[in-house]
N, C-alpha and C. Protein backbone atom coordinates (compact mmCIF):
# COMPACT_ATOMS: atom_id res chain seq x y z
N MET A 1 -5.17 -3.61 4.80
CA MET A 1 -6.41 -3.59 4.41
C MET A 1 -7.19 -4.65 3.75
N TYR A 2 -8.71 -4.82 3.90
CA TYR A 2 -9.38 -5.79 3.12
C TYR A 2 -10.57 -5.44 2.51
N VAL A 3 -11.11 -5.50 1.28
CA VAL A 3 -12.15 -5.57 0.72
C VAL A 3 -12.84 -6.78 0.59
N ALA A 4 -14.14 -7.16 1.16
CA ALA A 4 -15.06 -8.38 0.69
C ALA A 4 -15.19 -8.35 -0.88
N PRO A 5 -14.90 -9.78 -1.22
CA PRO A 5 -15.07 -9.99 -2.36
C PRO A 5 -16.29 -9.42 -3.14
N ALA A 6 -17.13 -9.11 -2.70
CA ALA A 6 -18.61 -8.69 -3.30
C ALA A 6 -18.34 -7.16 -3.58
N ALA A 7 -17.52 -6.73 -2.95
CA ALA A 7 -17.45 -5.15 -3.14
C ALA A 7 -16.12 -5.17 -3.68
N ARG A 8 -15.23 -5.66 -4.46
CA ARG A 8 -14.02 -5.30 -5.22
C ARG A 8 -14.59 -4.80 -6.16
N GLY A 9 -13.50 -4.04 -6.81
CA GLY A 9 -14.07 -3.20 -8.01
C GLY A 9 -14.57 -2.02 -8.21
N LEU A 10 -15.10 -1.71 -6.82
CA LEU A 10 -16.17 -0.68 -7.10
C LEU A 10 -15.20 0.85 -6.32
N GLY A 11 -13.88 0.43 -5.92
CA GLY A 11 -13.03 1.75 -5.88
C GLY A 11 -13.16 1.83 -4.66
N ILE A 12 -13.43 1.42 -3.55
CA ILE A 12 -13.21 1.17 -2.31
C ILE A 12 -11.77 1.27 -1.41
N GLY A 13 -11.20 0.10 -2.12
CA GLY A 13 -9.66 0.15 -1.53
C GLY A 13 -8.95 1.49 -2.15
N ARG A 14 -9.22 2.03 -3.17
CA ARG A 14 -8.32 3.10 -3.90
C ARG A 14 -8.95 4.15 -3.03
N ALA A 15 -10.45 4.29 -2.69
CA ALA A 15 -10.69 5.50 -1.61
C ALA A 15 -10.40 5.40 -0.43
N ILE A 16 -9.86 4.34 0.37
CA ILE A 16 -9.37 4.31 1.27
C ILE A 16 -8.33 4.84 1.45
N LEU A 17 -7.44 4.30 0.56
CA LEU A 17 -5.76 4.54 0.11
C LEU A 17 -5.60 5.77 0.04
N GLU A 18 -6.63 6.55 -0.76
CA GLU A 18 -6.31 8.08 -0.91
C GLU A 18 -6.42 8.67 0.40
N ALA A 19 -7.61 8.31 1.28
CA ALA A 19 -8.06 9.11 2.50
C ALA A 19 -6.97 8.92 3.42
N LEU A 20 -6.25 7.74 3.57
CA LEU A 20 -5.26 7.61 4.37
C LEU A 20 -3.76 8.38 3.69
N GLU A 21 -3.81 8.78 2.83
CA GLU A 21 -2.75 9.39 2.26
C GLU A 21 -2.82 11.03 2.74
N ARG A 22 -4.12 11.26 2.48
CA ARG A 22 -4.33 12.64 2.64
C ARG A 22 -4.05 12.96 3.88
N GLU A 23 -4.54 12.08 4.96
CA GLU A 23 -4.60 12.24 6.58
C GLU A 23 -3.07 12.25 6.64
N ALA A 24 -2.38 11.55 6.37
CA ALA A 24 -0.95 11.36 6.53
C ALA A 24 -0.09 12.43 6.15
N SER A 25 -0.52 13.04 4.70
CA SER A 25 0.17 14.00 4.30
C SER A 25 -0.25 15.30 5.42
N ALA A 26 -1.12 15.30 5.64
CA ALA A 26 -1.89 16.66 6.51
C ALA A 26 -0.92 16.32 7.83
N MET A 27 -0.59 15.14 8.39
CA MET A 27 0.08 15.24 9.73
C MET A 27 1.47 15.47 9.59
N GLY A 28 2.15 15.56 8.24
CA GLY A 28 3.32 16.11 7.84
C GLY A 28 4.03 14.81 7.76
N VAL A 29 3.54 13.72 7.59
CA VAL A 29 4.02 12.28 7.31
C VAL A 29 4.82 12.29 5.58
N THR A 30 6.10 12.02 5.25
CA THR A 30 6.41 12.14 4.20
C THR A 30 6.61 11.19 3.36
N ARG A 31 6.78 9.68 3.81
CA ARG A 31 6.98 8.66 3.66
C ARG A 31 5.59 7.56 4.14
N LEU A 32 5.15 6.69 3.39
CA LEU A 32 4.10 5.66 3.84
C LEU A 32 4.89 4.56 3.03
N VAL A 33 4.73 3.52 4.29
CA VAL A 33 5.80 2.20 3.95
C VAL A 33 4.48 1.04 3.86
N LEU A 34 4.10 -0.41 3.50
CA LEU A 34 3.36 -1.32 3.75
C LEU A 34 3.76 -2.54 2.93
N LYS A 35 3.44 -3.35 3.91
CA LYS A 35 3.57 -5.01 3.14
C LYS A 35 2.30 -5.40 2.36
N THR A 36 2.46 -6.38 1.72
CA THR A 36 1.19 -7.19 1.33
C THR A 36 2.04 -8.57 0.91
N GLY A 37 1.06 -9.51 0.18
CA GLY A 37 1.42 -10.71 0.00
C GLY A 37 1.61 -10.66 -1.34
N THR A 38 2.82 -11.98 -1.92
CA THR A 38 3.02 -12.10 -3.16
C THR A 38 1.43 -12.52 -3.88
N ARG A 39 0.90 -13.29 -3.32
CA ARG A 39 -0.38 -13.53 -3.99
C ARG A 39 -1.42 -12.71 -3.97
N GLN A 40 -1.47 -11.48 -3.53
CA GLN A 40 -2.50 -10.39 -3.60
C GLN A 40 -2.15 -9.65 -4.64
N LEU A 41 -2.52 -10.43 -5.89
CA LEU A 41 -2.42 -9.45 -7.02
C LEU A 41 -3.18 -8.37 -7.29
N ALA A 42 -4.58 -8.28 -7.15
CA ALA A 42 -5.09 -7.10 -6.99
C ALA A 42 -4.91 -6.06 -6.08
N ALA A 43 -4.31 -6.23 -5.04
CA ALA A 43 -3.67 -5.32 -3.98
C ALA A 43 -2.05 -4.70 -4.69
N LEU A 44 -1.35 -5.60 -5.12
CA LEU A 44 -0.38 -5.27 -5.92
C LEU A 44 -0.53 -4.00 -6.95
N ALA A 45 -1.58 -4.41 -7.93
CA ALA A 45 -1.94 -3.57 -8.88
C ALA A 45 -2.53 -2.26 -8.32
N MET A 46 -3.28 -2.42 -7.49
CA MET A 46 -4.06 -0.84 -6.96
C MET A 46 -2.50 -0.11 -6.12
N TYR A 47 -1.97 -0.75 -5.13
CA TYR A 47 -0.67 0.11 -4.84
C TYR A 47 0.08 0.82 -6.06
N ARG A 48 0.38 -0.32 -7.27
CA ARG A 48 1.52 0.28 -8.31
C ARG A 48 0.94 1.52 -8.76
N ARG A 49 -0.62 1.45 -9.23
CA ARG A 49 -0.90 2.13 -9.94
C ARG A 49 -1.25 3.70 -9.40
N ALA A 50 -1.13 3.27 -7.35
CA ALA A 50 -1.19 4.43 -6.97
C ALA A 50 0.27 5.11 -6.66
N GLY A 51 1.16 4.84 -7.26
CA GLY A 51 2.57 5.29 -6.92
C GLY A 51 3.11 4.34 -5.98
N TYR A 52 2.95 3.58 -5.74
CA TYR A 52 3.95 2.81 -4.53
C TYR A 52 5.07 2.02 -5.50
N ARG A 53 6.31 2.08 -4.81
CA ARG A 53 7.07 1.14 -5.62
C ARG A 53 7.82 -0.12 -4.44
N ASP A 54 8.28 -1.10 -5.45
CA ASP A 54 8.99 -1.64 -4.17
C ASP A 54 10.05 -1.53 -3.72
N ILE A 55 10.25 -2.01 -2.35
CA ILE A 55 11.38 -1.91 -1.89
C ILE A 55 11.74 -2.87 -0.98
N PRO A 56 12.75 -3.04 -0.17
CA PRO A 56 13.53 -4.28 0.08
C PRO A 56 12.95 -4.37 1.41
N PRO A 57 12.73 -5.89 1.70
CA PRO A 57 11.57 -6.23 3.01
C PRO A 57 12.18 -5.76 4.32
N PHE A 58 11.32 -5.29 5.06
CA PHE A 58 11.74 -4.51 6.38
C PHE A 58 11.25 -5.42 7.41
N GLY A 59 12.05 -4.90 8.43
CA GLY A 59 11.67 -5.60 9.78
C GLY A 59 11.15 -7.35 9.79
N GLU A 60 9.91 -7.61 10.43
CA GLU A 60 9.95 -9.07 10.61
C GLU A 60 9.62 -9.30 9.43
N TYR A 61 9.60 -8.72 7.93
CA TYR A 61 9.28 -9.16 6.74
C TYR A 61 10.51 -9.73 5.97
N VAL A 62 11.70 -9.46 6.63
CA VAL A 62 12.64 -9.75 6.39
C VAL A 62 12.96 -11.37 5.91
N ALA A 63 12.25 -12.13 7.10
CA ALA A 63 12.42 -13.75 7.22
C ALA A 63 11.24 -14.15 6.31
N SER A 64 10.21 -13.15 5.94
CA SER A 64 9.29 -14.29 4.73
C SER A 64 9.62 -13.24 3.31
N ALA A 65 10.82 -12.58 3.23
CA ALA A 65 10.56 -12.17 2.05
C ALA A 65 10.14 -12.99 0.52
N ALA A 66 10.46 -14.19 0.67
CA ALA A 66 9.76 -14.84 -0.36
C ALA A 66 8.05 -14.57 -0.67
N THR A 67 7.45 -14.39 0.16
CA THR A 67 6.41 -14.30 0.08
C THR A 67 5.61 -12.80 0.37
N SER A 68 6.32 -12.08 0.76
CA SER A 68 5.92 -10.74 1.33
C SER A 68 6.51 -9.67 0.15
N VAL A 69 5.77 -8.61 -0.02
CA VAL A 69 6.04 -7.50 -1.05
C VAL A 69 6.05 -6.24 -0.17
N CYS A 70 7.24 -5.65 0.11
CA CYS A 70 7.12 -4.42 1.03
C CYS A 70 7.27 -3.05 -0.25
N MET A 71 6.63 -2.10 0.10
CA MET A 71 6.25 -1.13 -0.97
C MET A 71 6.33 0.46 -0.12
N ALA A 72 6.78 1.13 -1.13
CA ALA A 72 6.79 2.34 -0.62
C ALA A 72 6.30 3.84 -1.25
N LYS A 73 5.65 4.92 -0.78
CA LYS A 73 5.30 6.05 -1.23
C LYS A 73 5.81 7.54 -1.11
N ASP A 74 6.75 8.31 -1.26
CA ASP A 74 6.75 9.62 -1.13
C ASP A 74 5.86 10.36 -1.28
N LEU A 75 5.05 11.08 0.13
CA LEU A 75 4.25 11.91 -0.31
C LEU A 75 4.39 13.61 -0.85
N ASP A 76 3.64 14.15 -1.31
CA ASP A 76 3.52 15.28 -1.52
C ASP A 76 3.16 16.07 0.03
N THR A 77 3.76 16.89 0.59
CA THR A 77 3.33 17.53 1.80
C THR A 77 2.80 18.80 1.74
N ALA A 78 3.02 19.78 0.55
CA ALA A 78 2.76 20.60 0.19
C ALA A 78 1.57 21.08 0.10
């Protein structure tokens, strides 16, 4: 996900994330995983505020663990 610098701080990223979570939950998805970079401090803060927690690197990101942050969140499917 990317938000243009001029539009940052307006809640756009959070709104997109919430919509994705709602749609995934409606489809019966119980867990979301993502990867971001160690230098994306605003993204890391947003994901953590949204309840995402760090997980071990997965897939192709194992090789780039020094610059990758993998995260997951369990969804409420009720």
